[in-house]
Amino acid sequence: MNLKEEIKKIVELQEIDSKIYQMREEKDSKLPQELKALKEEYEQKKQNLSTAEEKLKEIQLKKKDKEIDLASKEENAHKAQGQLYQLKTNKEYQAKLNEIESLKADISVAEEDLLKILDEVEASKKEQEVQKEKLAQEEKAFKDSEDTIKGRIKDLNAQINTLQEKRQRFTSNIDKKILEKYEQLLKTRQGLAIVPVEGENCGSCHMRVTHQKINEIKMFDNLVFCESCVRILYLPDDY
């Protein structure tokens, strides 16, 4: 086995795996999180419409209560007016007139209250229409973004499948023991198993690599690992 050639192969394999790892990270984590955030934002805007609808219902109930109250006062005033001509004494007649005036004052206040409620109903209806229009726009924007994200996920799946096929063909030519160690590190080191020495530092954790280890790398007798992150080290100038 020519270790130098095997290392060259796993360096090239790492390029494939890094692309796969990044694509999976985007597909399985980043994009679903974006979609979740969009859904939550859209649901909040739907809630704004629900709040406006509930407010309108509450005001309409108040309006109904005011209408019932006004009708009751008007009915009492009508009855009092009818009773006015059945009274026999001036005292009773004057007392009934006072009652009628009081009822009329109550009716006037009730009418003013009802007018205010009607204004509130109109304003609430307008607010509800505004929220409906906004939600229609937000729904379109959400659907467009959702379709874009789902399309991206579909594209990523296709690209990952293509790279996996390429990877499978590529790994068939790598020494089994080297490949086994590489893949073990790939799983435990977040998709990065082999890294270059940059200057005198590990290309991943940036810890200093001793001159002894650099010499060991140049000898190509065995795989050499970073003492800190345990990834395989190689010298890019050798390839």
C-alpha atoms as a PDB file:
ATOM      1  CA  MET A   1       0.000   0.000   0.000  1.00  0.00           C
ATOM      2  CA  ASN A   2       1.302   3.426  -0.982  1.00  0.00           C
ATOM      3  CA  LEU A   3       0.213   5.623   1.952  1.00  0.00           C
ATOM      4  CA  LYS A   4       0.919   8.833   0.078  1.00  0.00           C
ATOM      5  CA  GLU A   5      -1.484   7.808  -2.658  1.00  0.00           C
ATOM      6  CA  GLU A   6      -4.097   6.698  -0.123  1.00  0.00           C
ATOM      7  CA  ILE A   7      -3.901  10.034   1.678  1.00  0.00           C
ATOM      8  CA  LYS A   8      -4.292  11.813  -1.634  1.00  0.00           C
ATOM      9  CA  LYS A   9      -7.452   9.778  -2.235  1.00  0.00           C
ATOM     10  CA  ILE A  10      -8.993  10.578   1.130  1.00  0.00           C
ATOM     11  CA  VAL A  11      -8.133  14.268   0.679  1.00  0.00           C
ATOM     12  CA  GLU A  12     -10.181  14.153  -2.535  1.00  0.00           C
ATOM     13  CA  LEU A  13     -12.859  12.131  -0.760  1.00  0.00           C
ATOM     14  CA  GLN A  14     -12.998  14.766   1.970  1.00  0.00           C
ATOM     15  CA  GLU A  15     -13.846  17.378  -0.669  1.00  0.00           C
ATOM     16  CA  ILE A  16     -16.828  15.275  -1.736  1.00  0.00           C
ATOM     17  CA  ASP A  17     -17.880  14.592   1.861  1.00  0.00           C
ATOM     18  CA  SER A  18     -17.559  18.253   2.830  1.00  0.00           C
ATOM     19  CA  LYS A  19     -19.985  19.169   0.059  1.00  0.00           C
ATOM     20  CA  ILE A  20     -22.369  16.413   1.164  1.00  0.00           C
ATOM     21  CA  TYR A  21     -22.111  17.527   4.800  1.00  0.00           C
ATOM     22  CA  GLN A  22     -22.786  21.172   3.940  1.00  0.00           C
ATOM     23  CA  MET A  23     -25.726  20.259   1.726  1.00  0.00           C
ATOM     24  CA  ARG A  24     -27.223  18.008   4.385  1.00  0.00           C
ATOM     25  CA  GLU A  25     -26.746  20.711   6.996  1.00  0.00           C
ATOM     26  CA  GLU A  26     -28.626  23.142   4.774  1.00  0.00           C
ATOM     27  CA  LYS A  27     -31.316  20.604   3.855  1.00  0.00           C
ATOM     28  CA  ASP A  28     -31.892  19.095   7.298  1.00  0.00           C
ATOM     29  CA  SER A  29     -31.259  22.064   9.579  1.00  0.00           C
ATOM     30  CA  LYS A  30     -30.977  25.511   8.005  1.00  0.00           C
ATOM     31  CA  LEU A  31     -33.856  25.314   5.525  1.00  0.00           C
ATOM     32  CA  PRO A  32     -36.328  23.602   7.918  1.00  0.00           C
ATOM     33  CA  GLN A  33     -35.542  26.297  10.506  1.00  0.00           C
ATOM     34  CA  GLU A  34     -36.160  29.007   7.923  1.00  0.00           C
ATOM     35  CA  LEU A  35     -39.442  27.364   6.962  1.00  0.00           C
ATOM     36  CA  LYS A  36     -40.479  27.049  10.603  1.00  0.00           C
ATOM     37  CA  ALA A  37     -39.724  30.734  11.213  1.00  0.00           C
ATOM     38  CA  LEU A  38     -41.753  31.713   8.145  1.00  0.00           C
ATOM     39  CA  LYS A  39     -44.692  29.594   9.314  1.00  0.00           C
ATOM     40  CA  GLU A  40     -44.571  31.082  12.802  1.00  0.00           C
ATOM     41  CA  GLU A  41     -44.475  34.607  11.359  1.00  0.00           C
ATOM     42  CA  TYR A  42     -47.391  33.814   9.051  1.00  0.00           C
ATOM     43  CA  GLU A  43     -49.397  32.241  11.895  1.00  0.00           C
ATOM     44  CA  GLN A  44     -48.829  35.387  13.959  1.00  0.00           C
ATOM     45  CA  LYS A  45     -50.226  37.498  11.130  1.00  0.00           C
ATOM     46  CA  LYS A  46     -53.225  35.168  10.898  1.00  0.00           C
ATOM     47  CA  GLN A  47     -53.685  35.746  14.616  1.00  0.00           C
ATOM     48  CA  ASN A  48     -53.780  39.499  13.970  1.00  0.00           C
ATOM     49  CA  LEU A  49     -56.803  38.948  11.733  1.00  0.00           C
ATOM     50  CA  SER A  50     -58.427  36.680  14.322  1.00  0.00           C
ATOM     51  CA  THR A  51     -57.905  39.377  16.949  1.00  0.00           C
ATOM     52  CA  ALA A  52     -59.540  41.965  14.672  1.00  0.00           C
ATOM     53  CA  GLU A  53     -62.475  39.591  14.057  1.00  0.00           C
ATOM     54  CA  GLU A  54     -62.916  38.935  17.772  1.00  0.00           C
ATOM     55  CA  LYS A  55     -62.829  42.668  18.481  1.00  0.00           C
ATOM     56  CA  LEU A  56     -65.557  43.271  15.893  1.00  0.00           C
ATOM     57  CA  LYS A  57     -67.720  40.533  17.449  1.00  0.00           C
ATOM     58  CA  GLU A  58     -67.333  42.103  20.890  1.00  0.00           C
ATOM     59  CA  ILE A  59     -68.304  45.544  19.592  1.00  0.00           C
ATOM     60  CA  GLN A  60     -71.277  44.104  17.702  1.00  0.00           C
ATOM     61  CA  LEU A  61     -72.460  42.451  20.930  1.00  0.00           C
ATOM     62  CA  LYS A  62     -72.171  45.813  22.686  1.00  0.00           C
ATOM     63  CA  LYS A  63     -74.157  47.366  19.833  1.00  0.00           C
ATOM     64  CA  LYS A  64     -76.895  44.774  20.256  1.00  0.00           C
ATOM     65  CA  ASP A  65     -77.035  45.435  24.018  1.00  0.00           C
ATOM     66  CA  LYS A  66     -77.273  49.198  23.369  1.00  0.00           C
ATOM     67  CA  GLU A  67     -80.039  48.662  20.822  1.00  0.00           C
ATOM     68  CA  ILE A  68     -81.983  46.524  23.291  1.00  0.00           C
ATOM     69  CA  ASP A  69     -81.445  49.110  26.016  1.00  0.00           C
ATOM     70  CA  LEU A  70     -82.604  51.940  23.739  1.00  0.00           C
ATOM     71  CA  ALA A  71     -85.668  49.984  22.598  1.00  0.00           C
ATOM     72  CA  SER A  72     -86.564  49.301  26.229  1.00  0.00           C
ATOM     73  CA  LYS A  73     -86.283  52.980  27.140  1.00  0.00           C
ATOM     74  CA  GLU A  74     -88.347  54.007  24.117  1.00  0.00           C
ATOM     75  CA  GLU A  75     -91.009  51.461  25.037  1.00  0.00           C
ATOM     76  CA  ASN A  76     -91.138  52.769  28.623  1.00  0.00           C
ATOM     77  CA  ALA A  77     -91.438  56.323  27.331  1.00  0.00           C
ATOM     78  CA  HIS A  78     -94.258  55.279  24.973  1.00  0.00           C
ATOM     79  CA  LYS A  79     -96.124  53.579  27.818  1.00  0.00           C
ATOM     80  CA  ALA A  80     -95.662  56.587  30.060  1.00  0.00           C
ATOM     81  CA  GLN A  81     -96.965  58.848  27.292  1.00  0.00           C
ATOM     82  CA  GLY A  82    -100.055  56.627  26.973  1.00  0.00           C
ATOM     83  CA  GLN A  83    -100.624  56.682  30.723  1.00  0.00           C
ATOM     84  CA  LEU A  84    -100.466  60.479  30.793  1.00  0.00           C
ATOM     85  CA  TYR A  85    -104.097  60.983  29.696  1.00  0.00           C
ATOM     86  CA  GLN A  86    -105.461  58.468  32.192  1.00  0.00           C
ATOM     87  CA  LEU A  87    -104.369  60.490  35.210  1.00  0.00           C
ATOM     88  CA  LYS A  88    -106.974  62.435  37.192  1.00  0.00           C
ATOM     89  CA  THR A  89    -104.997  64.869  39.300  1.00  0.00           C
ATOM     90  CA  ASN A  90    -102.545  67.593  38.348  1.00  0.00           C
ATOM     91  CA  LYS A  91    -100.036  66.155  40.792  1.00  0.00           C
ATOM     92  CA  GLU A  92    -100.122  62.751  39.117  1.00  0.00           C
ATOM     93  CA  TYR A  93    -100.035  64.440  35.701  1.00  0.00           C
ATOM     94  CA  GLN A  94     -96.960  66.507  36.598  1.00  0.00           C
ATOM     95  CA  ALA A  95     -95.183  63.483  38.107  1.00  0.00           C
ATOM     96  CA  LYS A  96     -95.775  61.542  34.888  1.00  0.00           C
ATOM     97  CA  LEU A  97     -94.487  64.456  32.797  1.00  0.00           C
ATOM     98  CA  ASN A  98     -91.317  64.479  34.905  1.00  0.00           C
ATOM     99  CA  GLU A  99     -90.982  60.735  34.396  1.00  0.00           C
ATOM    100  CA  ILE A 100     -91.409  61.174  30.639  1.00  0.00           C
ATOM    101  CA  GLU A 101     -88.742  63.902  30.551  1.00  0.00           C
ATOM    102  CA  SER A 102     -86.385  61.703  32.514  1.00  0.00           C
ATOM    103  CA  LEU A 103     -87.037  58.813  30.108  1.00  0.00           C
ATOM    104  CA  LYS A 104     -86.416  61.119  27.130  1.00  0.00           C
ATOM    105  CA  ALA A 105     -83.093  62.192  28.663  1.00  0.00           C
ATOM    106  CA  ASP A 106     -82.164  58.529  29.129  1.00  0.00           C
ATOM    107  CA  ILE A 107     -83.145  57.867  25.515  1.00  0.00           C
ATOM    108  CA  SER A 108     -80.945  60.742  24.339  1.00  0.00           C
ATOM    109  CA  VAL A 109     -77.950  59.360  26.261  1.00  0.00           C
ATOM    110  CA  ALA A 110     -78.642  55.841  24.941  1.00  0.00           C
ATOM    111  CA  GLU A 111     -78.817  57.170  21.369  1.00  0.00           C
ATOM    112  CA  GLU A 112     -75.459  58.923  21.788  1.00  0.00           C
ATOM    113  CA  ASP A 113     -73.938  55.726  23.188  1.00  0.00           C
ATOM    114  CA  LEU A 114     -75.331  53.753  20.273  1.00  0.00           C
ATOM    115  CA  LEU A 115     -73.905  56.235  17.763  1.00  0.00           C
ATOM    116  CA  LYS A 116     -70.476  55.861  19.375  1.00  0.00           C
ATOM    117  CA  ILE A 117     -70.771  52.089  19.176  1.00  0.00           C
ATOM    118  CA  LEU A 118     -71.778  52.336  15.512  1.00  0.00           C
ATOM    119  CA  ASP A 119     -68.625  54.381  14.840  1.00  0.00           C
ATOM    120  CA  GLU A 120     -66.580  51.717  16.635  1.00  0.00           C
ATOM    121  CA  VAL A 121     -68.240  49.003  14.535  1.00  0.00           C
ATOM    122  CA  GLU A 122     -67.385  50.875  11.338  1.00  0.00           C
ATOM    123  CA  ALA A 123     -63.782  51.433  12.419  1.00  0.00           C
ATOM    124  CA  SER A 124     -63.452  47.787  13.468  1.00  0.00           C
ATOM    125  CA  LYS A 125     -64.830  46.596  10.118  1.00  0.00           C
ATOM    126  CA  LYS A 126     -62.270  48.744   8.296  1.00  0.00           C
ATOM    127  CA  GLU A 127     -59.478  47.362  10.487  1.00  0.00           C
ATOM    128  CA  GLN A 128     -60.651  43.827   9.742  1.00  0.00           C
ATOM    129  CA  GLU A 129     -60.598  44.540   5.993  1.00  0.00           C
ATOM    130  CA  VAL A 130     -57.083  45.972   6.291  1.00  0.00           C
ATOM    131  CA  GLN A 131     -55.939  42.828   8.133  1.00  0.00           C
ATOM    132  CA  LYS A 132     -57.595  40.623   5.491  1.00  0.00           C
ATOM    133  CA  GLU A 133     -55.785  42.429   2.684  1.00  0.00           C
ATOM    134  CA  LYS A 134     -52.484  42.230   4.557  1.00  0.00           C
ATOM    135  CA  LEU A 135     -52.993  38.544   5.259  1.00  0.00           C
ATOM    136  CA  ALA A 136     -53.754  37.832   1.584  1.00  0.00           C
ATOM    137  CA  GLN A 137     -50.447  39.480   0.654  1.00  0.00           C
ATOM    138  CA  GLU A 138     -48.596  37.692   3.455  1.00  0.00           C
ATOM    139  CA  GLU A 139     -50.106  34.359   2.447  1.00  0.00           C
ATOM    140  CA  LYS A 140     -48.853  34.803  -1.120  1.00  0.00           C
ATOM    141  CA  ALA A 141     -45.401  35.810   0.140  1.00  0.00           C
ATOM    142  CA  PHE A 142     -45.360  32.832   2.507  1.00  0.00           C
ATOM    143  CA  LYS A 143     -46.429  30.382  -0.208  1.00  0.00           C
ATOM    144  CA  ASP A 144     -43.787  31.753  -2.597  1.00  0.00           C
ATOM    145  CA  SER A 145     -41.066  31.429   0.072  1.00  0.00           C
ATOM    146  CA  GLU A 146     -42.304  27.968   1.050  1.00  0.00           C
ATOM    147  CA  ASP A 147     -42.196  26.821  -2.590  1.00  0.00           C
ATOM    148  CA  THR A 148     -38.690  28.261  -2.972  1.00  0.00           C
ATOM    149  CA  ILE A 149     -37.425  26.441   0.133  1.00  0.00           C
ATOM    150  CA  LYS A 150     -39.086  23.155  -0.856  1.00  0.00           C
ATOM    151  CA  GLY A 151     -37.603  23.515  -4.341  1.00  0.00           C
ATOM    152  CA  ARG A 152     -34.161  24.085  -2.831  1.00  0.00           C
ATOM    153  CA  ILE A 153     -34.555  20.995  -0.634  1.00  0.00           C
ATOM    154  CA  LYS A 154     -35.514  18.966  -3.702  1.00  0.00           C
ATOM    155  CA  ASP A 155     -32.453  20.249  -5.582  1.00  0.00           C
ATOM    156  CA  LEU A 156     -30.200  19.456  -2.622  1.00  0.00           C
ATOM    157  CA  ASN A 157     -31.546  15.915  -2.430  1.00  0.00           C
ATOM    158  CA  ALA A 158     -30.733  15.422  -6.107  1.00  0.00           C
ATOM    159  CA  GLN A 159     -27.216  16.862  -5.694  1.00  0.00           C
ATOM    160  CA  ILE A 160     -26.571  14.754  -2.588  1.00  0.00           C
ATOM    161  CA  ASN A 161     -27.673  11.604  -4.418  1.00  0.00           C
ATOM    162  CA  THR A 162     -25.321  12.425  -7.285  1.00  0.00           C
ATOM    163  CA  LEU A 163     -22.416  13.013  -4.880  1.00  0.00           C
ATOM    164  CA  GLN A 164     -23.233   9.811  -2.977  1.00  0.00           C
ATOM    165  CA  GLU A 165     -23.022   7.836  -6.204  1.00  0.00           C
ATOM    166  CA  LYS A 166     -19.704   9.512  -7.006  1.00  0.00           C
ATOM    167  CA  ARG A 167     -18.502   8.781  -3.472  1.00  0.00           C
ATOM    168  CA  GLN A 168     -19.438   5.127  -3.717  1.00  0.00           C
ATOM    169  CA  ARG A 169     -17.410   4.742  -6.900  1.00  0.00           C
ATOM    170  CA  PHE A 170     -14.503   6.654  -5.376  1.00  0.00           C
ATOM    171  CA  THR A 171     -14.305   4.681  -2.103  1.00  0.00           C
ATOM    172  CA  SER A 172     -14.030   1.354  -3.925  1.00  0.00           C
ATOM    173  CA  ASN A 173     -10.415   2.285  -4.752  1.00  0.00           C
ATOM    174  CA  ILE A 174      -9.347   3.247  -1.221  1.00  0.00           C
ATOM    175  CA  ASP A 175      -7.599   0.894   1.197  1.00  0.00           C
ATOM    176  CA  LYS A 176     -10.245  -0.557   3.514  1.00  0.00           C
ATOM    177  CA  LYS A 177      -8.415   0.129   6.770  1.00  0.00           C
ATOM    178  CA  ILE A 178      -7.617   3.707   5.767  1.00  0.00           C
ATOM    179  CA  LEU A 179     -11.221   4.212   4.688  1.00  0.00           C
ATOM    180  CA  GLU A 180     -12.562   2.698   7.906  1.00  0.00           C
ATOM    181  CA  LYS A 181     -10.499   5.090  10.054  1.00  0.00           C
ATOM    182  CA  TYR A 182     -11.408   8.034   7.852  1.00  0.00           C
ATOM    183  CA  GLU A 183     -15.150   7.294   8.039  1.00  0.00           C
ATOM    184  CA  GLN A 184     -14.987   6.788  11.792  1.00  0.00           C
ATOM    185  CA  LEU A 185     -13.508  10.275  12.159  1.00  0.00           C
ATOM    186  CA  LEU A 186     -15.975  11.675   9.645  1.00  0.00           C
ATOM    187  CA  LYS A 187     -18.856  10.665  11.938  1.00  0.00           C
ATOM    188  CA  THR A 188     -17.307  11.921  15.151  1.00  0.00           C
ATOM    189  CA  ARG A 189     -15.718  15.130  13.820  1.00  0.00           C
ATOM    190  CA  GLN A 190     -18.684  16.892  12.200  1.00  0.00           C
ATOM    191  CA  GLY A 191     -17.921  15.784   8.671  1.00  0.00           C
ATOM    192  CA  LEU A 192     -14.239  16.773   8.709  1.00  0.00           C
ATOM    193  CA  ALA A 193     -11.791  13.872   9.061  1.00  0.00           C
ATOM    194  CA  ILE A 194      -8.609  15.045   7.337  1.00  0.00           C
ATOM    195  CA  VAL A 195      -7.145  18.571   7.329  1.00  0.00           C
ATOM    196  CA  PRO A 196      -3.992  20.242   6.033  1.00  0.00           C
ATOM    197  CA  VAL A 197      -1.238  21.631   8.201  1.00  0.00           C
ATOM    198  CA  GLU A 198      -1.335  25.401   7.678  1.00  0.00           C
ATOM    199  CA  GLY A 199       2.041  26.885   8.544  1.00  0.00           C
ATOM    200  CA  GLU A 200       2.704  24.970  11.749  1.00  0.00           C
ATOM    201  CA  ASN A 201      -0.930  24.683  12.842  1.00  0.00           C
ATOM    202  CA  CYS A 202      -3.755  22.199  12.421  1.00  0.00           C
ATOM    203  CA  GLY A 203      -6.091  23.389   9.672  1.00  0.00           C
ATOM    204  CA  SER A 204      -9.125  22.652  11.837  1.00  0.00           C
ATOM    205  CA  CYS A 205      -8.478  23.421  15.521  1.00  0.00           C
ATOM    206  CA  HIS A 206      -5.411  25.637  14.795  1.00  0.00           C
ATOM    207  CA  MET A 207      -3.337  24.018  17.520  1.00  0.00           C
ATOM    208  CA  ARG A 208       0.412  23.940  16.882  1.00  0.00           C
ATOM    209  CA  VAL A 209       1.766  20.845  15.157  1.00  0.00           C
ATOM    210  CA  THR A 210       5.216  19.842  16.401  1.00  0.00           C
ATOM    211  CA  HIS A 211       8.167  19.495  14.043  1.00  0.00           C
ATOM    212  CA  GLN A 212       8.332  15.837  14.978  1.00  0.00           C
ATOM    213  CA  LYS A 213       4.788  15.276  13.756  1.00  0.00           C
ATOM    214  CA  ILE A 214       5.478  17.201  10.573  1.00  0.00           C
ATOM    215  CA  ASN A 215       8.450  14.920   9.943  1.00  0.00           C
ATOM    216  CA  GLU A 216       6.227  11.885  10.625  1.00  0.00           C
ATOM    217  CA  ILE A 217       3.742  13.153   8.053  1.00  0.00           C
ATOM    218  CA  LYS A 218       6.537  13.466   5.463  1.00  0.00           C
ATOM    219  CA  MET A 219       7.681   9.902   6.097  1.00  0.00           C
ATOM    220  CA  PHE A 220       4.337   8.359   5.019  1.00  0.00           C
ATOM    221  CA  ASP A 221       4.774   5.376   7.340  1.00  0.00           C
ATOM    222  CA  ASN A 222       1.506   5.807   9.231  1.00  0.00           C
ATOM    223  CA  LEU A 223      -1.429   8.171   9.442  1.00  0.00           C
ATOM    224  CA  VAL A 224      -0.603  11.136  11.680  1.00  0.00           C
ATOM    225  CA  PHE A 225      -3.289  12.701  13.868  1.00  0.00           C
ATOM    226  CA  CYS A 226      -3.650  16.115  15.467  1.00  0.00           C
ATOM    227  CA  GLU A 227      -3.011  15.812  19.207  1.00  0.00           C
ATOM    228  CA  SER A 228      -5.897  18.186  19.912  1.00  0.00           C
ATOM    229  CA  CYS A 229      -8.790  17.381  17.539  1.00  0.00           C
ATOM    230  CA  VAL A 230      -7.554  13.904  16.476  1.00  0.00           C
ATOM    231  CA  ARG A 231      -8.125  14.572  12.779  1.00  0.00           C
ATOM    232  CA  ILE A 232      -5.758  13.147  10.171  1.00  0.00           C
ATOM    233  CA  LEU A 233      -3.079  15.645   9.159  1.00  0.00           C
ATOM    234  CA  TYR A 234      -1.416  16.085   5.781  1.00  0.00           C
ATOM    235  CA  LEU A 235       0.936  18.568   4.156  1.00  0.00           C
ATOM    236  CA  PRO A 236      -0.717  20.238   1.127  1.00  0.00           C
ATOM    237  CA  ASP A 237       2.663  20.878  -0.500  1.00  0.00           C
ATOM    238  CA  ASP A 238       3.116  17.100  -0.829  1.00  0.00           C
ATOM    239  CA  TYR A 239       0.191  16.821  -3.280  1.00  0.00           C
END
